[in-house]
Amino acid sequence: MQGKSLKYFSRPLRDVLTERMRDTLDRTILTVIRDGGGWAVEFQGACFGHASEKEVSKAFALKRAREVIDSGGAAQVRIHGEGGYS
């Protein structure tokens, strides 16, 4: 599909468009998870932001995500158990 849609562009423009496309998104994924009787934020196997309430751990995750975004990166916060997924 990619080749068909790009065949209408001139060669230099097509090269610029495909050069900027990435197969994978480089982003930081922070997951708010249950941790014993409370909640925590998991990032690359390490946990931080331990709290008894989910909203507090969610705030820790959002703060870290904002730091990543402000430094030019991309970030995603996931809440385990929300959105119909476990």
PDB file of N, CA and C in Angstrom:
ATOM      1  N   MET A   1       0.820  -1.198   0.000  1.00  0.00           N
ATOM      2  CA  MET A   1       0.000   0.000   0.000  1.00  0.00           C
ATOM      3  C   MET A   1       0.857   1.253   0.000  1.00  0.00           C
ATOM      4  N   GLN A   2       1.966   1.228   0.728  1.00  0.00           N
ATOM      5  CA  GLN A   2       2.818   2.404   0.820  1.00  0.00           C
ATOM      6  C   GLN A   2       3.349   2.808  -0.553  1.00  0.00           C
ATOM      7  N   GLY A   3       3.810   1.856  -1.344  1.00  0.00           N
ATOM      8  CA  GLY A   3       4.356   2.149  -2.658  1.00  0.00           C
ATOM      9  C   GLY A   3       3.328   2.729  -3.603  1.00  0.00           C
ATOM     10  N   LYS A   4       2.102   2.234  -3.557  1.00  0.00           N
ATOM     11  CA  LYS A   4       1.046   2.728  -4.431  1.00  0.00           C
ATOM     12  C   LYS A   4       0.696   4.169  -4.120  1.00  0.00           C
ATOM     13  N   SER A   5       0.595   4.514  -2.845  1.00  0.00           N
ATOM     14  CA  SER A   5       0.202   5.872  -2.483  1.00  0.00           C
ATOM     15  C   SER A   5       1.318   6.873  -2.743  1.00  0.00           C
ATOM     16  N   LEU A   6       2.562   6.452  -2.728  1.00  0.00           N
ATOM     17  CA  LEU A   6       3.680   7.366  -2.926  1.00  0.00           C
ATOM     18  C   LEU A   6       4.119   7.485  -4.382  1.00  0.00           C
ATOM     19  N   LYS A   7       3.567   6.658  -5.283  1.00  0.00           N
ATOM     20  CA  LYS A   7       4.023   6.691  -6.671  1.00  0.00           C
ATOM     21  C   LYS A   7       3.639   7.987  -7.372  1.00  0.00           C
ATOM     22  N   TYR A   8       2.698   8.732  -6.816  1.00  0.00           N
ATOM     23  CA  TYR A   8       2.257   9.976  -7.432  1.00  0.00           C
ATOM     24  C   TYR A   8       3.159  11.157  -7.084  1.00  0.00           C
ATOM     25  N   PHE A   9       4.049  10.989  -6.126  1.00  0.00           N
ATOM     26  CA  PHE A   9       4.962  12.049  -5.751  1.00  0.00           C
ATOM     27  C   PHE A   9       6.241  11.946  -6.565  1.00  0.00           C
ATOM     28  N   SER A  10       6.886  13.096  -6.732  1.00  0.00           N
ATOM     29  CA  SER A  10       8.167  13.089  -7.426  1.00  0.00           C
ATOM     30  C   SER A  10       9.187  12.322  -6.585  1.00  0.00           C
ATOM     31  N   ARG A  11      10.230  11.885  -7.192  1.00  0.00           N
ATOM     32  CA  ARG A  11      11.247  11.072  -6.519  1.00  0.00           C
ATOM     33  C   ARG A  11      11.823  11.761  -5.274  1.00  0.00           C
ATOM     34  N   PRO A  12      12.282  13.015  -5.331  1.00  0.00           N
ATOM     35  CA  PRO A  12      12.851  13.632  -4.125  1.00  0.00           C
ATOM     36  C   PRO A  12      11.842  13.732  -2.983  1.00  0.00           C
ATOM     37  N   LEU A  13      10.606  14.091  -3.278  1.00  0.00           N
ATOM     38  CA  LEU A  13       9.590  14.204  -2.238  1.00  0.00           C
ATOM     39  C   LEU A  13       9.296  12.835  -1.638  1.00  0.00           C
ATOM     40  N   ARG A  14       9.225  11.810  -2.457  1.00  0.00           N
ATOM     41  CA  ARG A  14       8.970  10.461  -1.971  1.00  0.00           C
ATOM     42  C   ARG A  14      10.074  10.013  -1.019  1.00  0.00           C
ATOM     43  N   ASP A  15      11.325  10.333  -1.352  1.00  0.00           N
ATOM     44  CA  ASP A  15      12.444   9.966  -0.484  1.00  0.00           C
ATOM     45  C   ASP A  15      12.358  10.674   0.866  1.00  0.00           C
ATOM     46  N   VAL A  16      11.961  11.942   0.851  1.00  0.00           N
ATOM     47  CA  VAL A  16      11.821  12.693   2.096  1.00  0.00           C
ATOM     48  C   VAL A  16      10.706  12.084   2.942  1.00  0.00           C
ATOM     49  N   LEU A  17       9.584  11.738   2.314  1.00  0.00           N
ATOM     50  CA  LEU A  17       8.460  11.173   3.062  1.00  0.00           C
ATOM     51  C   LEU A  17       8.815   9.828   3.683  1.00  0.00           C
ATOM     52  N   THR A  18       9.434   8.949   2.925  1.00  0.00           N
ATOM     53  CA  THR A  18       9.756   7.618   3.452  1.00  0.00           C
ATOM     54  C   THR A  18      10.915   7.675   4.436  1.00  0.00           C
ATOM     55  N   GLU A  19      11.814   8.647   4.282  1.00  0.00           N
ATOM     56  CA  GLU A  19      12.934   8.779   5.206  1.00  0.00           C
ATOM     57  C   GLU A  19      12.439   9.133   6.607  1.00  0.00           C
ATOM     58  N   ARG A  20      11.390   9.927   6.674  1.00  0.00           N
ATOM     59  CA  ARG A  20      10.870  10.377   7.964  1.00  0.00           C
ATOM     60  C   ARG A  20       9.940   9.352   8.617  1.00  0.00           C
ATOM     61  N   MET A  21       9.488   8.360   7.876  1.00  0.00           N
ATOM     62  CA  MET A  21       8.616   7.325   8.449  1.00  0.00           C
ATOM     63  C   MET A  21       9.446   6.372   9.285  1.00  0.00           C
ATOM     64  N   ARG A  22       8.898   5.954  10.428  1.00  0.00           N
ATOM     65  CA  ARG A  22       9.599   5.003  11.288  1.00  0.00           C
ATOM     66  C   ARG A  22       8.747   3.761  11.438  1.00  0.00           C
ATOM     67  N   ASP A  23       9.402   2.622  11.528  1.00  0.00           N
ATOM     68  CA  ASP A  23       8.685   1.377  11.747  1.00  0.00           C
ATOM     69  C   ASP A  23       8.203   1.261  13.187  1.00  0.00           C
ATOM     70  N   THR A  24       8.966   1.770  14.117  1.00  0.00           N
ATOM     71  CA  THR A  24       8.603   1.680  15.530  1.00  0.00           C
ATOM     72  C   THR A  24       8.623   3.068  16.153  1.00  0.00           C
ATOM     73  N   LEU A  25       7.798   3.240  17.153  1.00  0.00           N
ATOM     74  CA  LEU A  25       7.791   4.495  17.879  1.00  0.00           C
ATOM     75  C   LEU A  25       8.733   4.376  19.063  1.00  0.00           C
ATOM     76  N   ASP A  26       9.632   5.307  19.174  1.00  0.00           N
ATOM     77  CA  ASP A  26      10.535   5.351  20.321  1.00  0.00           C
ATOM     78  C   ASP A  26       9.858   6.181  21.392  1.00  0.00           C
ATOM     79  N   ARG A  27       9.312   5.518  22.398  1.00  0.00           N
ATOM     80  CA  ARG A  27       8.633   6.248  23.453  1.00  0.00           C
ATOM     81  C   ARG A  27       8.825   5.538  24.783  1.00  0.00           C
ATOM     82  N   THR A  28       8.697   6.304  25.830  1.00  0.00           N
ATOM     83  CA  THR A  28       8.769   5.791  27.184  1.00  0.00           C
ATOM     84  C   THR A  28       7.361   5.363  27.589  1.00  0.00           C
ATOM     85  N   ILE A  29       7.224   4.138  28.057  1.00  0.00           N
ATOM     86  CA  ILE A  29       5.921   3.650  28.501  1.00  0.00           C
ATOM     87  C   ILE A  29       5.967   3.433  30.008  1.00  0.00           C
ATOM     88  N   LEU A  30       5.121   4.159  30.709  1.00  0.00           N
ATOM     89  CA  LEU A  30       5.007   4.063  32.160  1.00  0.00           C
ATOM     90  C   LEU A  30       3.668   3.399  32.459  1.00  0.00           C
ATOM     91  N   THR A  31       3.680   2.363  33.293  1.00  0.00           N
ATOM     92  CA  THR A  31       2.462   1.623  33.594  1.00  0.00           C
ATOM     93  C   THR A  31       2.158   1.697  35.084  1.00  0.00           C
ATOM     94  N   VAL A  32       0.944   2.151  35.418  1.00  0.00           N
ATOM     95  CA  VAL A  32       0.484   2.172  36.800  1.00  0.00           C
ATOM     96  C   VAL A  32      -0.095   0.781  37.084  1.00  0.00           C
ATOM     97  N   ILE A  33       0.483   0.109  38.088  1.00  0.00           N
ATOM     98  CA  ILE A  33       0.103  -1.284  38.382  1.00  0.00           C
ATOM     99  C   ILE A  33      -0.258  -1.443  39.855  1.00  0.00           C
ATOM    100  N   ARG A  34      -0.979  -2.540  40.160  1.00  0.00           N
ATOM    101  CA  ARG A  34      -1.231  -2.913  41.553  1.00  0.00           C
ATOM    102  C   ARG A  34       0.067  -3.441  42.137  1.00  0.00           C
ATOM    103  N   ASP A  35       0.353  -3.045  43.353  1.00  0.00           N
ATOM    104  CA  ASP A  35       1.576  -3.484  44.018  1.00  0.00           C
ATOM    105  C   ASP A  35       1.226  -3.811  45.466  1.00  0.00           C
ATOM    106  N   GLY A  36       0.972  -5.084  45.715  1.00  0.00           N
ATOM    107  CA  GLY A  36       0.547  -5.491  47.050  1.00  0.00           C
ATOM    108  C   GLY A  36      -0.815  -4.899  47.355  1.00  0.00           C
ATOM    109  N   GLY A  37      -0.895  -4.105  48.418  1.00  0.00           N
ATOM    110  CA  GLY A  37      -2.155  -3.465  48.770  1.00  0.00           C
ATOM    111  C   GLY A  37      -2.301  -2.081  48.192  1.00  0.00           C
ATOM    112  N   GLY A  38      -1.334  -1.634  47.395  1.00  0.00           N
ATOM    113  CA  GLY A  38      -1.384  -0.280  46.854  1.00  0.00           C
ATOM    114  C   GLY A  38      -1.122  -0.254  45.362  1.00  0.00           C
ATOM    115  N   TRP A  39      -0.571   0.854  44.923  1.00  0.00           N
ATOM    116  CA  TRP A  39      -0.288   1.071  43.505  1.00  0.00           C
ATOM    117  C   TRP A  39       1.146   1.558  43.339  1.00  0.00           C
ATOM    118  N   ALA A  40       1.703   1.355  42.158  1.00  0.00           N
ATOM    119  CA  ALA A  40       3.054   1.824  41.843  1.00  0.00           C
ATOM    120  C   ALA A  40       3.152   2.066  40.339  1.00  0.00           C
ATOM    121  N   VAL A  41       4.223   2.720  39.946  1.00  0.00           N
ATOM    122  CA  VAL A  41       4.501   2.957  38.530  1.00  0.00           C
ATOM    123  C   VAL A  41       5.656   2.046  38.131  1.00  0.00           C
ATOM    124  N   GLU A  42       5.461   1.290  37.050  1.00  0.00           N
ATOM    125  CA  GLU A  42       6.496   0.387  36.547  1.00  0.00           C
ATOM    126  C   GLU A  42       7.101   0.992  35.293  1.00  0.00           C
ATOM    127  N   PHE A  43       8.439   1.027  35.255  1.00  0.00           N
ATOM    128  CA  PHE A  43       9.163   1.510  34.083  1.00  0.00           C
ATOM    129  C   PHE A  43      10.418   0.674  33.929  1.00  0.00           C
ATOM    130  N   GLN A  44      10.504  -0.059  32.833  1.00  0.00           N
ATOM    131  CA  GLN A  44      11.644  -0.928  32.510  1.00  0.00           C
ATOM    132  C   GLN A  44      11.981  -1.881  33.647  1.00  0.00           C
ATOM    133  N   GLY A  45      10.963  -2.452  34.262  1.00  0.00           N
ATOM    134  CA  GLY A  45      11.161  -3.460  35.291  1.00  0.00           C
ATOM    135  C   GLY A  45      11.341  -2.922  36.701  1.00  0.00           C
ATOM    136  N   ALA A  46      11.515  -1.626  36.835  1.00  0.00           N
ATOM    137  CA  ALA A  46      11.679  -1.021  38.164  1.00  0.00           C
ATOM    138  C   ALA A  46      10.398  -0.297  38.557  1.00  0.00           C
ATOM    139  N   CYS A  47      10.081  -0.318  39.847  1.00  0.00           N
ATOM    140  CA  CYS A  47       8.873   0.344  40.346  1.00  0.00           C
ATOM    141  C   CYS A  47       9.232   1.573  41.165  1.00  0.00           C
ATOM    142  N   PHE A  48       8.438   2.614  41.022  1.00  0.00           N
ATOM    143  CA  PHE A  48       8.579   3.821  41.825  1.00  0.00           C
ATOM    144  C   PHE A  48       7.181   4.406  42.009  1.00  0.00           C
ATOM    145  N   GLY A  49       7.066   5.440  42.792  1.00  0.00           N
ATOM    146  CA  GLY A  49       5.776   6.096  42.992  1.00  0.00           C
ATOM    147  C   GLY A  49       4.773   5.238  43.744  1.00  0.00           C
ATOM    148  N   HIS A  50       5.252   4.507  44.746  1.00  0.00           N
ATOM    149  CA  HIS A  50       4.360   3.653  45.538  1.00  0.00           C
ATOM    150  C   HIS A  50       3.380   4.518  46.331  1.00  0.00           C
ATOM    151  N   ALA A  51       2.098   4.130  46.293  1.00  0.00           N
ATOM    152  CA  ALA A  51       1.071   4.876  47.019  1.00  0.00           C
ATOM    153  C   ALA A  51      -0.111   3.958  47.298  1.00  0.00           C
ATOM    154  N   SER A  52      -0.921   4.351  48.279  1.00  0.00           N
ATOM    155  CA  SER A  52      -2.101   3.545  48.604  1.00  0.00           C
ATOM    156  C   SER A  52      -3.254   3.825  47.644  1.00  0.00           C
ATOM    157  N   GLU A  53      -3.227   4.978  46.962  1.00  0.00           N
ATOM    158  CA  GLU A  53      -4.292   5.331  46.030  1.00  0.00           C
ATOM    159  C   GLU A  53      -3.761   5.365  44.601  1.00  0.00           C
ATOM    160  N   LYS A  54      -4.582   4.870  43.692  1.00  0.00           N
ATOM    161  CA  LYS A  54      -4.198   4.818  42.284  1.00  0.00           C
ATOM    162  C   LYS A  54      -3.921   6.219  41.728  1.00  0.00           C
ATOM    163  N   GLU A  55      -4.722   7.197  42.103  1.00  0.00           N
ATOM    164  CA  GLU A  55      -4.569   8.553  41.563  1.00  0.00           C
ATOM    165  C   GLU A  55      -3.217   9.169  41.919  1.00  0.00           C
ATOM    166  N   VAL A  56      -2.682   8.827  43.072  1.00  0.00           N
ATOM    167  CA  VAL A  56      -1.372   9.355  43.480  1.00  0.00           C
ATOM    168  C   VAL A  56      -0.277   8.754  42.601  1.00  0.00           C
ATOM    169  N   SER A  57      -0.323   7.442  42.387  1.00  0.00           N
ATOM    170  CA  SER A  57       0.666   6.802  41.510  1.00  0.00           C
ATOM    171  C   SER A  57       0.514   7.293  40.075  1.00  0.00           C
ATOM    172  N   LYS A  58      -0.711   7.532  39.672  1.00  0.00           N
ATOM    173  CA  LYS A  58      -0.960   8.069  38.336  1.00  0.00           C
ATOM    174  C   LYS A  58      -0.316   9.449  38.191  1.00  0.00           C
ATOM    175  N   ALA A  59      -0.374  10.270  39.236  1.00  0.00           N
ATOM    176  CA  ALA A  59       0.266  11.587  39.214  1.00  0.00           C
ATOM    177  C   ALA A  59       1.788  11.457  39.088  1.00  0.00           C
ATOM    178  N   PHE A  60       2.386  10.478  39.785  1.00  0.00           N
ATOM    179  CA  PHE A  60       3.825  10.220  39.641  1.00  0.00           C
ATOM    180  C   PHE A  60       4.162   9.888  38.186  1.00  0.00           C
ATOM    181  N   ALA A  61       3.350   9.018  37.581  1.00  0.00           N
ATOM    182  CA  ALA A  61       3.590   8.608  36.192  1.00  0.00           C
ATOM    183  C   ALA A  61       3.454   9.790  35.240  1.00  0.00           C
ATOM    184  N   LEU A  62       2.439  10.604  35.433  1.00  0.00           N
ATOM    185  CA  LEU A  62       2.221  11.754  34.563  1.00  0.00           C
ATOM    186  C   LEU A  62       3.339  12.787  34.705  1.00  0.00           C
ATOM    187  N   LYS A  63       3.856  12.941  35.910  1.00  0.00           N
ATOM    188  CA  LYS A  63       4.969  13.867  36.127  1.00  0.00           C
ATOM    189  C   LYS A  63       6.216  13.394  35.387  1.00  0.00           C
ATOM    190  N   ARG A  64       6.507  12.098  35.506  1.00  0.00           N
ATOM    191  CA  ARG A  64       7.676  11.544  34.794  1.00  0.00           C
ATOM    192  C   ARG A  64       7.476  11.635  33.275  1.00  0.00           C
ATOM    193  N   ALA A  65       6.258  11.375  32.797  1.00  0.00           N
ATOM    194  CA  ALA A  65       5.966  11.485  31.365  1.00  0.00           C
ATOM    195  C   ALA A  65       6.181  12.913  30.883  1.00  0.00           C
ATOM    196  N   ARG A  66       5.762  13.884  31.676  1.00  0.00           N
ATOM    197  CA  ARG A  66       5.951  15.293  31.309  1.00  0.00           C
ATOM    198  C   ARG A  66       7.430  15.629  31.231  1.00  0.00           C
ATOM    199  N   GLU A  67       8.253  15.091  32.119  1.00  0.00           N
ATOM    200  CA  GLU A  67       9.695  15.323  32.076  1.00  0.00           C
ATOM    201  C   GLU A  67      10.290  14.771  30.782  1.00  0.00           C
ATOM    202  N   VAL A  68       9.841  13.587  30.387  1.00  0.00           N
ATOM    203  CA  VAL A  68      10.322  12.972  29.142  1.00  0.00           C
ATOM    204  C   VAL A  68       9.920  13.822  27.942  1.00  0.00           C
ATOM    205  N   ILE A  69       8.663  14.272  27.918  1.00  0.00           N
ATOM    206  CA  ILE A  69       8.161  15.072  26.798  1.00  0.00           C
ATOM    207  C   ILE A  69       8.892  16.416  26.731  1.00  0.00           C
ATOM    208  N   ASP A  70       9.103  17.034  27.878  1.00  0.00           N
ATOM    209  CA  ASP A  70       9.808  18.321  27.907  1.00  0.00           C
ATOM    210  C   ASP A  70      11.249  18.206  27.425  1.00  0.00           C
ATOM    211  N   SER A  71      11.847  17.013  27.567  1.00  0.00           N
ATOM    212  CA  SER A  71      13.217  16.819  27.085  1.00  0.00           C
ATOM    213  C   SER A  71      13.256  16.376  25.619  1.00  0.00           C
ATOM    214  N   GLY A  72      12.086  16.363  24.954  1.00  0.00           N
ATOM    215  CA  GLY A  72      12.052  16.062  23.525  1.00  0.00           C
ATOM    216  C   GLY A  72      11.659  14.645  23.177  1.00  0.00           C
ATOM    217  N   GLY A  73      11.346  13.818  24.148  1.00  0.00           N
ATOM    218  CA  GLY A  73      10.962  12.437  23.880  1.00  0.00           C
ATOM    219  C   GLY A  73       9.454  12.270  23.801  1.00  0.00           C
ATOM    220  N   ALA A  74       9.035  11.057  23.641  1.00  0.00           N
ATOM    221  CA  ALA A  74       7.613  10.719  23.623  1.00  0.00           C
ATOM    222  C   ALA A  74       7.339   9.786  24.794  1.00  0.00           C
ATOM    223  N   ALA A  75       6.163   9.910  25.382  1.00  0.00           N
ATOM    224  CA  ALA A  75       5.824   9.087  26.543  1.00  0.00           C
ATOM    225  C   ALA A  75       4.361   8.678  26.491  1.00  0.00           C
ATOM    226  N   GLN A  76       4.086   7.542  27.109  1.00  0.00           N
ATOM    227  CA  GLN A  76       2.724   7.033  27.219  1.00  0.00           C
ATOM    228  C   GLN A  76       2.527   6.508  28.628  1.00  0.00           C
ATOM    229  N   VAL A  77       1.392   6.847  29.237  1.00  0.00           N
ATOM    230  CA  VAL A  77       1.044   6.333  30.552  1.00  0.00           C
ATOM    231  C   VAL A  77      -0.092   5.353  30.379  1.00  0.00           C
ATOM    232  N   ARG A  78       0.096   4.152  30.887  1.00  0.00           N
ATOM    233  CA  ARG A  78      -0.932   3.115  30.851  1.00  0.00           C
ATOM    234  C   ARG A  78      -1.382   2.820  32.276  1.00  0.00           C
ATOM    235  N   ILE A  79      -2.676   2.596  32.438  1.00  0.00           N
ATOM    236  CA  ILE A  79      -3.213   2.231  33.736  1.00  0.00           C
ATOM    237  C   ILE A  79      -3.674   0.782  33.637  1.00  0.00           C
ATOM    238  N   HIS A  80      -3.000  -0.105  34.339  1.00  0.00           N
ATOM    239  CA  HIS A  80      -3.307  -1.534  34.283  1.00  0.00           C
ATOM    240  C   HIS A  80      -4.726  -1.772  34.782  1.00  0.00           C
ATOM    241  N   GLY A  81      -5.517  -2.487  33.988  1.00  0.00           N
ATOM    242  CA  GLY A  81      -6.879  -2.819  34.386  1.00  0.00           C
ATOM    243  C   GLY A  81      -7.923  -1.850  33.883  1.00  0.00           C
ATOM    244  N   GLU A  82      -7.535  -0.754  33.256  1.00  0.00           N
ATOM    245  CA  GLU A  82      -8.504   0.172  32.695  1.00  0.00           C
ATOM    246  C   GLU A  82      -8.580  -0.007  31.184  1.00  0.00           C
ATOM    247  N   GLY A  83      -9.672   0.389  30.621  1.00  0.00           N
ATOM    248  CA  GLY A  83      -9.839   0.292  29.176  1.00  0.00           C
ATOM    249  C   GLY A  83     -10.249  -1.091  28.723  1.00  0.00           C
ATOM    250  N   GLY A  84     -10.730  -1.931  29.631  1.00  0.00           N
ATOM    251  CA  GLY A  84     -11.193  -3.252  29.239  1.00  0.00           C
ATOM    252  C   GLY A  84     -10.111  -4.296  29.096  1.00  0.00           C
ATOM    253  N   TYR A  85      -8.865  -3.925  29.386  1.00  0.00           N
ATOM    254  CA  TYR A  85      -7.753  -4.863  29.279  1.00  0.00           C
ATOM    255  C   TYR A  85      -7.162  -5.100  30.660  1.00  0.00           C
ATOM    256  N   SER A  86      -6.571  -6.258  30.842  1.00  0.00           N
ATOM    257  CA  SER A  86      -5.960  -6.531  32.137  1.00  0.00           C
ATOM    258  C   SER A  86      -4.540  -6.052  32.183  1.00  0.00           C
TER     259      SER A  86
END
